[in-house]
Each structure stands twice: as C-alpha cells, then as structure tokens.
Amino acid sequence: MRYLLLGIILSLSLQAQDKTFHWQKPDSYVSYAPFSTHYFRGDIARTHLTSINYGWAELGFFINSYREPTIALCYKTEVFETRRWRFHLMAGTAYGYKKKLYNYPTIPLSGTILFKTDFVPVGGATVEYFVSQKLAIKATFIPLVGGLGLQYSL
C-alpha cells in the first residue's frame, strides 16, 4: 500500500500541466471498495466500503476490523484536480466501534474523550484516477487503513 501511495504522489507531481489546487465542493458520486488493508499488519479484509457523496457530505458504510457494521458521515472537500486525477480530504465521525477503539495502542489520541463514546472521529484522504468521464479507480487512505475500489460520478 505504501508503494501505491508513493506511485500516486509521483504520478500527480509529473502531471504539472492543467493542475489545479483549490478548496471546492466535490462532484456527486457513489463508490465501492470491497477490500481494505491495515498498513502495519498487511492484512486484506472484506470491508465492503460503500459511500455516496453529495455536495460537501459523504455517507459511508463498511464492516470494521471487529466484523461489525459501521457508518460514517464526513465533510469532504476537493483540494487538487487534473484532467484525470482528483484528491480529496475528509473529516467526520463514525458509529459502530462500540467504544473498542478507546486506548487502542496505534491510534493517536485514542486515550482521550474522543474515543470514549460510541461516535469516534474519522478522517483521511481519497485519490481518484478517472478511466472515463464517469468511472474512476478510487483509493481511500485513513490513518491506519487503506482501501481500493471503483467510483461512479452521478
């Protein structure tokens, strides 16, 4: 997964023509990433990360590491765009971990009140490579987990 991220960053830097840095509302889309991995464990899990984005809001569903259904609601913004690439940042909350992330050793701030409730903070980035006008390959990067799937623009 580290090599995938490095390749994406390198490819973005090589596409100097027609690039645009901004802070704007993303296009509406639906996406599905059937598998994900924990960076440090190198495992592959069926998470079925499914999301729908409308305006600045993204609603997602996935099966978490404890094999329990989880929903997330995030504010999302597009910060970089070329003819084929899009890069987004997101921040929000997730429900479904049932306080199991409190004092989790590899999560920053997990010993704080932020992880002591049923709602936990979530944030990360997505990178999309458009293979056609509406269809893209989407990589999702959250601090400990990454996923790869498809996205369809509405």
C-alpha atoms as a PDB file:
ATOM      1  CA  MET A   1       0.000   0.000   0.000  1.00  0.00           C
ATOM      2  CA  ARG A   2       2.936   2.327   0.680  1.00  0.00           C
ATOM      3  CA  TYR A   3       4.173   1.780  -2.867  1.00  0.00           C
ATOM      4  CA  LEU A   4       0.711   2.534  -4.250  1.00  0.00           C
ATOM      5  CA  LEU A   5       0.609   5.829  -2.352  1.00  0.00           C
ATOM      6  CA  LEU A   6       4.137   6.707  -3.494  1.00  0.00           C
ATOM      7  CA  GLY A   7       3.206   5.910  -7.110  1.00  0.00           C
ATOM      8  CA  ILE A   8       0.108   8.095  -6.940  1.00  0.00           C
ATOM      9  CA  ILE A   9       2.047  11.031  -5.499  1.00  0.00           C
ATOM     10  CA  LEU A  10       4.783  10.665  -8.119  1.00  0.00           C
ATOM     11  CA  SER A  11       2.239  10.469 -10.929  1.00  0.00           C
ATOM     12  CA  LEU A  12       0.453  13.565  -9.653  1.00  0.00           C
ATOM     13  CA  SER A  13       3.698  15.510  -9.490  1.00  0.00           C
ATOM     14  CA  LEU A  14       4.578  14.535 -13.068  1.00  0.00           C
ATOM     15  CA  GLN A  15       1.278  15.893 -14.368  1.00  0.00           C
ATOM     16  CA  ALA A  16       2.275  19.525 -13.954  1.00  0.00           C
ATOM     17  CA  GLN A  17       0.153  20.725 -16.887  1.00  0.00           C
ATOM     18  CA  ASP A  18      -3.507  21.599 -16.249  1.00  0.00           C
ATOM     19  CA  LYS A  19      -3.303  21.001 -12.488  1.00  0.00           C
ATOM     20  CA  THR A  20      -5.487  22.984 -10.127  1.00  0.00           C
ATOM     21  CA  PHE A  21      -5.200  23.396  -6.366  1.00  0.00           C
ATOM     22  CA  HIS A  22      -8.416  24.629  -4.784  1.00  0.00           C
ATOM     23  CA  TRP A  23     -10.897  24.063  -1.985  1.00  0.00           C
ATOM     24  CA  GLN A  24     -14.202  23.216  -3.623  1.00  0.00           C
ATOM     25  CA  LYS A  25     -17.274  21.043  -3.399  1.00  0.00           C
ATOM     26  CA  PRO A  26     -16.669  17.559  -4.858  1.00  0.00           C
ATOM     27  CA  ASP A  27     -18.845  16.078  -7.586  1.00  0.00           C
ATOM     28  CA  SER A  28     -21.624  13.719  -6.510  1.00  0.00           C
ATOM     29  CA  TYR A  29     -20.788  10.028  -6.828  1.00  0.00           C
ATOM     30  CA  VAL A  30     -21.175   6.517  -5.437  1.00  0.00           C
ATOM     31  CA  SER A  31     -18.210   4.256  -4.726  1.00  0.00           C
ATOM     32  CA  TYR A  32     -17.469   0.708  -3.658  1.00  0.00           C
ATOM     33  CA  ALA A  33     -14.220  -0.774  -2.351  1.00  0.00           C
ATOM     34  CA  PRO A  34     -14.675  -4.439  -1.418  1.00  0.00           C
ATOM     35  CA  PHE A  35     -11.303  -4.895   0.286  1.00  0.00           C
ATOM     36  CA  SER A  36      -9.021  -2.883   2.561  1.00  0.00           C
ATOM     37  CA  THR A  37      -5.778  -3.351   4.432  1.00  0.00           C
ATOM     38  CA  HIS A  38      -4.236  -2.210   7.699  1.00  0.00           C
ATOM     39  CA  TYR A  39      -0.917  -0.640   6.686  1.00  0.00           C
ATOM     40  CA  PHE A  40       1.139  -2.046   9.541  1.00  0.00           C
ATOM     41  CA  ARG A  41      -0.386  -5.528   9.591  1.00  0.00           C
ATOM     42  CA  GLY A  42      -0.556  -6.020   5.836  1.00  0.00           C
ATOM     43  CA  ASP A  43      -3.829  -7.929   6.097  1.00  0.00           C
ATOM     44  CA  ILE A  44      -6.551  -7.919   3.459  1.00  0.00           C
ATOM     45  CA  ALA A  45     -10.119  -7.798   4.763  1.00  0.00           C
ATOM     46  CA  ARG A  46     -13.560  -7.709   3.188  1.00  0.00           C
ATOM     47  CA  THR A  47     -14.829  -4.363   4.375  1.00  0.00           C
ATOM     48  CA  HIS A  48     -17.321  -3.523   1.611  1.00  0.00           C
ATOM     49  CA  LEU A  49     -16.596   0.200   1.969  1.00  0.00           C
ATOM     50  CA  THR A  50     -19.541   1.804   0.199  1.00  0.00           C
ATOM     51  CA  SER A  51     -20.057   5.537   0.043  1.00  0.00           C
ATOM     52  CA  ILE A  52     -22.205   8.175  -1.525  1.00  0.00           C
ATOM     53  CA  ASN A  53     -21.106  11.773  -1.824  1.00  0.00           C
ATOM     54  CA  TYR A  54     -23.435  14.701  -2.318  1.00  0.00           C
ATOM     55  CA  GLY A  55     -22.039  18.200  -2.086  1.00  0.00           C
ATOM     56  CA  TRP A  56     -19.727  18.570   0.887  1.00  0.00           C
ATOM     57  CA  ALA A  57     -21.128  15.489   2.671  1.00  0.00           C
ATOM     58  CA  GLU A  58     -20.106  11.848   2.316  1.00  0.00           C
ATOM     59  CA  LEU A  59     -22.017   8.987   3.897  1.00  0.00           C
ATOM     60  CA  GLY A  60     -20.162   5.697   4.127  1.00  0.00           C
ATOM     61  CA  PHE A  61     -20.816   2.139   5.254  1.00  0.00           C
ATOM     62  CA  PHE A  62     -18.218  -0.544   5.960  1.00  0.00           C
ATOM     63  CA  ILE A  63     -17.515  -3.640   8.021  1.00  0.00           C
ATOM     64  CA  ASN A  64     -14.946  -2.632  10.641  1.00  0.00           C
ATOM     65  CA  SER A  65     -11.993  -4.659  11.958  1.00  0.00           C
ATOM     66  CA  TYR A  66     -14.236  -6.248  14.573  1.00  0.00           C
ATOM     67  CA  ARG A  67     -16.525  -7.542  11.776  1.00  0.00           C
ATOM     68  CA  GLU A  68     -19.301  -5.158  12.786  1.00  0.00           C
ATOM     69  CA  PRO A  69     -21.264  -2.800  10.514  1.00  0.00           C
ATOM     70  CA  THR A  70     -20.185   0.821  10.793  1.00  0.00           C
ATOM     71  CA  ILE A  71     -21.471   4.055   9.277  1.00  0.00           C
ATOM     72  CA  ALA A  72     -19.547   7.275   8.845  1.00  0.00           C
ATOM     73  CA  LEU A  73     -20.558  10.814   7.984  1.00  0.00           C
ATOM     74  CA  CYS A  74     -17.824  13.166   6.770  1.00  0.00           C
ATOM     75  CA  TYR A  75     -17.300  16.655   5.480  1.00  0.00           C
ATOM     76  CA  LYS A  76     -15.363  16.269   2.229  1.00  0.00           C
ATOM     77  CA  THR A  77     -13.569  18.791   0.047  1.00  0.00           C
ATOM     78  CA  GLU A  78     -11.690  18.552  -3.222  1.00  0.00           C
ATOM     79  CA  VAL A  79      -8.225  20.095  -2.994  1.00  0.00           C
ATOM     80  CA  PHE A  80      -6.477  19.002  -6.199  1.00  0.00           C
ATOM     81  CA  GLU A  81      -7.605  18.259  -9.733  1.00  0.00           C
ATOM     82  CA  THR A  82      -6.106  17.434 -13.111  1.00  0.00           C
ATOM     83  CA  ARG A  83      -7.781  16.091 -16.214  1.00  0.00           C
ATOM     84  CA  ARG A  84      -7.719  12.515 -14.829  1.00  0.00           C
ATOM     85  CA  TRP A  85      -6.871  12.866 -11.103  1.00  0.00           C
ATOM     86  CA  ARG A  86      -8.801  14.179  -8.069  1.00  0.00           C
ATOM     87  CA  PHE A  87      -7.558  14.425  -4.478  1.00  0.00           C
ATOM     88  CA  HIS A  88      -9.947  14.936  -1.523  1.00  0.00           C
ATOM     89  CA  LEU A  89      -9.650  15.449   2.227  1.00  0.00           C
ATOM     90  CA  MET A  90     -12.357  14.421   4.682  1.00  0.00           C
ATOM     91  CA  ALA A  91     -13.161  14.621   8.384  1.00  0.00           C
ATOM     92  CA  GLY A  92     -16.152  13.416  10.343  1.00  0.00           C
ATOM     93  CA  THR A  93     -17.459  10.779  12.703  1.00  0.00           C
ATOM     94  CA  ALA A  94     -18.142   7.037  12.626  1.00  0.00           C
ATOM     95  CA  TYR A  95     -20.575   4.892  14.577  1.00  0.00           C
ATOM     96  CA  GLY A  96     -20.153   1.148  15.062  1.00  0.00           C
ATOM     97  CA  TYR A  97     -16.960   0.516  17.009  1.00  0.00           C
ATOM     98  CA  LYS A  98     -18.800   0.309  20.359  1.00  0.00           C
ATOM     99  CA  LYS A  99     -16.018   2.052  22.319  1.00  0.00           C
ATOM    100  CA  LYS A 100     -13.469  -0.616  21.280  1.00  0.00           C
ATOM    101  CA  LEU A 101     -11.014   1.990  19.976  1.00  0.00           C
ATOM    102  CA  TYR A 102     -10.548   3.619  23.377  1.00  0.00           C
ATOM    103  CA  ASN A 103      -6.886   3.207  24.419  1.00  0.00           C
ATOM    104  CA  TYR A 104      -6.038   1.401  21.168  1.00  0.00           C
ATOM    105  CA  PRO A 105      -2.211   1.391  21.017  1.00  0.00           C
ATOM    106  CA  THR A 106      -1.644   2.619  17.427  1.00  0.00           C
ATOM    107  CA  ILE A 107      -4.393   5.250  17.177  1.00  0.00           C
ATOM    108  CA  PRO A 108      -3.299   8.784  18.043  1.00  0.00           C
ATOM    109  CA  LEU A 109      -5.407  10.365  20.829  1.00  0.00           C
ATOM    110  CA  SER A 110      -7.251   7.066  21.449  1.00  0.00           C
ATOM    111  CA  GLY A 111      -6.949   7.503  25.214  1.00  0.00           C
ATOM    112  CA  THR A 112      -8.960  10.733  25.120  1.00  0.00           C
ATOM    113  CA  ILE A 113     -12.664  11.504  25.338  1.00  0.00           C
ATOM    114  CA  LEU A 114     -12.767  11.458  21.512  1.00  0.00           C
ATOM    115  CA  PHE A 115     -12.780   7.646  21.568  1.00  0.00           C
ATOM    116  CA  LYS A 116     -14.708   7.066  24.795  1.00  0.00           C
ATOM    117  CA  THR A 117     -18.144   7.358  23.164  1.00  0.00           C
ATOM    118  CA  ASP A 118     -19.961   5.352  20.509  1.00  0.00           C
ATOM    119  CA  PHE A 119     -19.110   8.069  17.967  1.00  0.00           C
ATOM    120  CA  VAL A 120     -15.417   8.239  17.045  1.00  0.00           C
ATOM    121  CA  PRO A 121     -13.560  10.724  14.847  1.00  0.00           C
ATOM    122  CA  VAL A 122     -12.590   9.664  11.352  1.00  0.00           C
ATOM    123  CA  GLY A 123     -10.625  11.449   8.684  1.00  0.00           C
ATOM    124  CA  GLY A 124      -8.399  10.835   5.734  1.00  0.00           C
ATOM    125  CA  ALA A 125      -7.937  11.342   2.031  1.00  0.00           C
ATOM    126  CA  THR A 126      -9.085   9.871  -1.245  1.00  0.00           C
ATOM    127  CA  VAL A 127      -7.414   9.826  -4.625  1.00  0.00           C
ATOM    128  CA  GLU A 128      -9.321   9.063  -7.805  1.00  0.00           C
ATOM    129  CA  TYR A 129      -7.977   8.267 -11.265  1.00  0.00           C
ATOM    130  CA  PHE A 130     -10.643   8.645 -13.950  1.00  0.00           C
ATOM    131  CA  VAL A 131     -10.524   5.962 -16.630  1.00  0.00           C
ATOM    132  CA  SER A 132     -13.526   7.561 -18.339  1.00  0.00           C
ATOM    133  CA  GLN A 133     -15.649  10.661 -17.802  1.00  0.00           C
ATOM    134  CA  LYS A 134     -17.752   8.961 -15.094  1.00  0.00           C
ATOM    135  CA  LEU A 135     -15.743   5.932 -13.880  1.00  0.00           C
ATOM    136  CA  ALA A 136     -12.690   6.174 -11.616  1.00  0.00           C
ATOM    137  CA  ILE A 137     -10.391   3.942  -9.628  1.00  0.00           C
ATOM    138  CA  LYS A 138     -10.537   5.222  -6.055  1.00  0.00           C
ATOM    139  CA  ALA A 139      -8.014   4.783  -3.247  1.00  0.00           C
ATOM    140  CA  THR A 140      -9.091   5.703   0.283  1.00  0.00           C
ATOM    141  CA  PHE A 141      -6.473   6.427   2.950  1.00  0.00           C
ATOM    142  CA  ILE A 142      -7.488   6.633   6.602  1.00  0.00           C
ATOM    143  CA  PRO A 143      -4.705   6.807   9.230  1.00  0.00           C
ATOM    144  CA  LEU A 144      -4.460   3.018   9.804  1.00  0.00           C
ATOM    145  CA  VAL A 145      -6.441   1.588   6.864  1.00  0.00           C
ATOM    146  CA  GLY A 146      -6.448   1.891   3.094  1.00  0.00           C
ATOM    147  CA  GLY A 147      -8.936   0.660   0.509  1.00  0.00           C
ATOM    148  CA  LEU A 148      -9.103   0.385  -3.269  1.00  0.00           C
ATOM    149  CA  GLY A 149     -12.234   0.290  -5.403  1.00  0.00           C
ATOM    150  CA  LEU A 150     -14.349   1.968  -8.065  1.00  0.00           C
ATOM    151  CA  GLN A 151     -16.248   5.225  -8.162  1.00  0.00           C
ATOM    152  CA  TYR A 152     -19.057   6.305 -10.464  1.00  0.00           C
ATOM    153  CA  SER A 153     -19.873  10.005 -10.869  1.00  0.00           C
ATOM    154  CA  LEU A 154     -23.566  10.901 -10.873  1.00  0.00           C
END
